[in-house]
Amino acid sequence: MAYTVASIDPARDHLQLRWLNPTTGQPYGTFTELRERLRKEGRTLLFATNSGIYAPGLKPLGLHVEQGRPLVPLNNARSGGNFALLPNGVFWISGHRAGVTETQAFRRLGFTPDYATQSGPLLVQNGTIHPEFRKSGTSFKVRSGVGLCQDGQVRFVISSGPVNFYSFAAFFRDTLHCPDALYLDGSISAYATPAVNTQLVAFAGLWFVSN
């Protein structure tokens, strides 16, 4: 299986998260819309990808924090789809620090990061693949995720084709050397760079880097 990998240095790159376009008050509908908004702010989009699982109305299903403001609270659901396949977790950015933290451990930290997405399941936690994943798993889909790797880099990954959870998690652990990684979403997952603009059907939040 081939994967698209975006490596981001939280000590250098300005990684942010957005959900609603301030011009329309609605969720960003395309990468082009985000790119145009950033252009009006005097910035250029370098990379973007959808942030995670969403609820009806294109609302993030779990915690969503922008510029230190929680727009959606932490979700403690224990049933209902991949999001609640526990353990799940939170990917967060605070200053030049980044983390992938299990949901209840994040709650106990008692702090509000600059940016955060809650999703699930955790693909890898402390170097261990999620206990519910099996090499023989028969659910094959395009998948996206984010990991914090041993070299300090944040890596967003999208598979080029259908893959099961175990293989996707193993790619983070064994190839990218990310001891902690979080599943973001499935078949709708896409990304944009200055040279590539894959289109999304719908999403509720975009992680992006700009200059």
Protein backbone atom coordinates (compact mmCIF):
# COMPACT_ATOMS: atom_id res chain seq x y z
CA MET A 1 0.00 0.00 0.00
CA ALA A 2 1.22 3.51 -0.84
CA TYR A 3 0.65 6.44 1.49
CA THR A 4 0.83 10.20 1.21
CA VAL A 5 2.74 11.59 4.21
CA ALA A 6 3.02 15.24 5.25
CA SER A 7 5.78 15.89 7.81
CA ILE A 8 5.37 19.00 9.94
CA ASP A 9 7.81 20.41 12.48
CA PRO A 10 5.77 21.96 15.34
CA ALA A 11 8.82 23.99 16.38
CA ARG A 12 8.98 25.67 12.96
CA ASP A 13 5.74 25.26 11.02
CA HIS A 14 2.56 27.14 11.87
CA LEU A 15 -0.03 24.34 12.09
CA GLN A 16 -3.58 25.57 12.63
CA LEU A 17 -7.15 24.31 12.62
CA ARG A 18 -10.28 25.94 11.21
CA TRP A 19 -13.90 24.93 10.96
CA LEU A 20 -16.11 27.90 10.01
CA ASN A 21 -15.41 30.46 7.30
CA PRO A 22 -15.77 33.88 9.00
CA THR A 23 -17.12 35.33 5.76
CA THR A 24 -20.07 32.93 5.54
CA GLY A 25 -20.34 31.50 9.04
CA GLN A 26 -20.49 28.05 7.42
CA PRO A 27 -17.98 25.19 7.43
CA TYR A 28 -15.31 25.46 4.75
CA GLY A 29 -16.64 23.52 1.77
CA THR A 30 -13.49 23.11 -0.32
CA PHE A 31 -9.75 23.52 -0.10
CA THR A 32 -10.11 26.30 -2.65
CA GLU A 33 -12.33 28.21 -0.21
CA LEU A 34 -9.70 27.95 2.52
CA ARG A 35 -6.95 28.89 0.09
CA GLU A 36 -8.87 32.01 -0.96
CA ARG A 37 -9.52 33.01 2.65
CA LEU A 38 -5.82 32.72 3.47
CA ARG A 39 -4.95 34.73 0.35
CA LYS A 40 -7.11 37.58 1.69
CA GLU A 41 -5.09 37.36 4.91
CA GLY A 42 -1.85 37.64 2.94
CA ARG A 43 -0.90 33.99 3.39
CA THR A 44 -0.31 31.01 1.10
CA LEU A 45 -1.65 27.53 1.80
CA LEU A 46 1.14 24.95 1.93
CA PHE A 47 -0.79 21.91 3.16
CA ALA A 48 -4.30 21.07 4.36
CA THR A 49 -6.30 17.99 5.27
CA ASN A 50 -9.65 17.25 6.89
CA SER A 51 -9.53 17.16 10.67
CA GLY A 52 -11.71 14.23 11.70
CA ILE A 53 -15.09 12.62 12.19
CA TYR A 54 -18.12 14.90 12.19
CA ALA A 55 -21.73 14.85 13.34
CA PRO A 56 -24.83 15.87 11.33
CA GLY A 57 -24.69 19.50 10.26
CA LEU A 58 -20.94 19.29 9.63
CA LYS A 59 -20.19 19.77 13.32
CA PRO A 60 -17.06 18.15 14.79
CA LEU A 61 -18.11 15.04 16.72
CA GLY A 62 -15.54 15.61 19.46
CA LEU A 63 -13.40 18.34 21.00
CA HIS A 64 -12.53 21.13 18.58
CA VAL A 65 -10.30 24.01 19.74
CA GLU A 66 -9.23 27.01 17.68
CA GLN A 67 -6.92 29.76 18.92
CA GLY A 68 -7.39 28.57 22.49
CA ARG A 69 -11.21 28.61 22.23
CA PRO A 70 -13.12 25.33 22.62
CA LEU A 71 -15.85 25.44 19.97
CA VAL A 72 -17.02 21.86 20.66
CA PRO A 73 -16.52 20.15 24.06
CA LEU A 74 -14.80 16.85 24.78
CA ASN A 75 -16.99 13.88 23.83
CA ASN A 76 -17.00 10.97 26.30
CA ALA A 77 -19.13 8.63 24.15
CA ARG A 78 -18.53 4.92 24.75
CA SER A 79 -20.54 3.57 21.84
CA GLY A 80 -21.25 4.50 18.25
CA GLY A 81 -18.87 3.91 15.36
CA ASN A 82 -15.13 4.30 15.02
CA PHE A 83 -15.03 7.46 17.12
CA ALA A 84 -16.06 5.51 20.23
CA LEU A 85 -13.85 2.47 19.59
CA LEU A 86 -11.95 3.08 22.82
CA PRO A 87 -9.33 4.14 23.49
CA ASN A 88 -9.78 7.24 21.36
CA GLY A 89 -7.89 10.48 21.77
CA VAL A 90 -7.01 14.09 21.05
CA PHE A 91 -4.41 15.54 18.71
CA TRP A 92 -3.34 18.95 20.01
CA ILE A 93 -0.96 21.82 19.41
CA SER A 94 0.15 24.20 22.16
CA GLY A 95 2.82 26.70 21.18
CA HIS A 96 5.64 24.64 19.70
CA ARG A 97 4.48 21.43 21.37
CA ALA A 98 2.25 18.73 19.90
CA GLY A 99 0.64 15.66 21.39
CA VAL A 100 -1.59 12.68 20.74
CA THR A 101 -3.24 11.90 24.07
CA GLU A 102 -5.90 9.39 25.13
CA THR A 103 -9.19 11.20 25.81
CA GLN A 104 -9.46 10.70 29.57
CA ALA A 105 -5.76 11.37 30.05
CA PHE A 106 -6.24 14.59 28.12
CA ARG A 107 -9.19 15.54 30.35
CA ARG A 108 -7.03 15.01 33.43
CA LEU A 109 -4.36 17.34 32.04
CA GLY A 110 -6.82 20.18 32.62
CA PHE A 111 -5.44 22.55 30.02
CA THR A 112 -6.70 24.14 26.82
CA PRO A 113 -4.28 23.90 23.88
CA ASP A 114 -4.12 26.37 21.01
CA TYR A 115 -5.66 23.87 18.60
CA ALA A 116 -7.13 20.40 19.09
CA THR A 117 -9.14 17.67 17.36
CA GLN A 118 -10.70 14.72 19.17
CA SER A 119 -11.21 11.59 17.10
CA GLY A 120 -10.94 7.86 17.34
CA PRO A 121 -9.78 5.26 17.63
CA LEU A 122 -6.19 5.72 18.73
CA LEU A 123 -4.16 3.83 16.15
CA VAL A 124 -1.08 3.52 18.35
CA GLN A 125 -0.68 4.33 22.05
CA ASN A 126 2.75 4.27 23.68
CA GLY A 127 4.02 2.07 20.86
CA THR A 128 1.16 -0.45 21.09
CA ILE A 129 -1.38 -0.91 18.30
CA HIS A 130 -5.04 -0.57 19.35
CA PRO A 131 -6.14 -3.83 21.06
CA GLU A 132 -9.21 -4.24 18.82
CA PHE A 133 -7.23 -4.25 15.57
CA ARG A 134 -6.38 -7.55 13.85
CA LYS A 135 -4.01 -8.29 10.99
CA SER A 136 -6.87 -10.27 9.44
CA GLY A 137 -9.35 -7.36 9.74
CA THR A 138 -11.78 -7.30 6.81
CA SER A 139 -12.81 -3.63 6.92
CA PHE A 140 -10.83 -2.02 4.10
CA LYS A 141 -11.23 1.72 3.46
CA VAL A 142 -9.19 4.76 2.54
CA ARG A 143 -8.01 6.07 5.92
CA SER A 144 -6.33 9.18 7.30
CA GLY A 145 -4.55 9.78 10.58
CA VAL A 146 -1.98 11.84 12.43
CA GLY A 147 0.97 10.74 14.52
CA LEU A 148 3.61 12.26 16.77
CA CYS A 149 6.86 10.55 15.87
CA GLN A 150 10.10 9.86 17.70
CA ASP A 151 11.94 12.60 15.82
CA GLY A 152 9.44 15.20 17.08
CA GLN A 153 7.71 15.53 13.72
CA VAL A 154 3.94 15.52 13.31
CA ARG A 155 2.96 13.32 10.37
CA PHE A 156 -0.40 13.36 8.62
CA VAL A 157 -1.02 10.26 6.52
CA ILE A 158 -3.64 9.31 3.92
CA SER A 159 -3.69 5.88 2.30
CA SER A 160 -3.81 5.76 -1.49
CA GLY A 161 -6.38 2.96 -1.38
CA PRO A 162 -8.39 0.78 1.00
CA VAL A 163 -6.46 -0.53 4.01
CA ASN A 164 -7.51 -2.16 7.27
CA PHE A 165 -6.94 -0.54 10.66
CA TYR A 166 -4.10 -2.86 11.68
CA SER A 167 -2.01 -2.21 8.58
CA PHE A 168 -2.64 1.52 8.82
CA ALA A 169 -1.59 1.59 12.48
CA ALA A 170 1.46 -0.56 11.75
CA PHE A 171 2.60 1.94 9.12
CA PHE A 172 2.66 4.68 11.77
CA ARG A 173 4.44 2.52 14.33
CA ASP A 174 6.90 0.54 12.23
CA THR A 175 7.63 2.75 9.21
CA LEU A 176 7.18 6.28 10.55
CA HIS A 177 8.23 5.41 14.11
CA CYS A 178 5.31 7.22 15.71
CA PRO A 179 4.62 5.79 19.20
CA ASP A 180 1.30 7.65 19.30
CA ALA A 181 -1.12 8.08 16.40
CA LEU A 182 -4.80 8.95 15.99
CA TYR A 183 -7.30 7.95 13.32
CA LEU A 184 -8.92 10.98 11.68
CA ASP A 185 -11.39 9.74 9.06
CA GLY A 186 -12.16 7.31 6.28
CA SER A 187 -13.24 7.44 2.67
CA ILE A 188 -13.73 11.21 2.45
CA SER A 189 -10.15 11.89 3.51
CA ALA A 190 -8.22 14.19 1.19
CA TYR A 191 -5.44 16.75 1.19
CA ALA A 192 -4.19 19.83 -0.62
CA THR A 193 -0.75 21.25 -1.41
CA PRO A 194 0.27 24.01 -3.82
CA ALA A 195 0.51 21.34 -6.56
CA VAL A 196 -2.39 19.06 -5.56
CA ASN A 197 -6.00 19.88 -4.76
CA THR A 198 -8.02 16.73 -4.07
CA GLN A 199 -11.66 17.53 -3.45
CA LEU A 200 -13.72 16.64 -0.39
CA VAL A 201 -17.40 15.84 -0.25
CA ALA A 202 -17.83 17.37 3.21
CA PHE A 203 -15.85 17.96 6.37
CA ALA A 204 -15.98 19.78 9.69
CA GLY A 205 -12.56 21.27 10.22
CA LEU A 206 -9.26 21.52 8.37
CA TRP A 207 -5.74 21.24 9.70
CA PHE A 208 -3.44 23.40 7.59
CA VAL A 209 0.00 24.97 7.30
CA SER A 210 0.54 28.32 5.60
CA ASN A 211 3.25 30.92 5.21
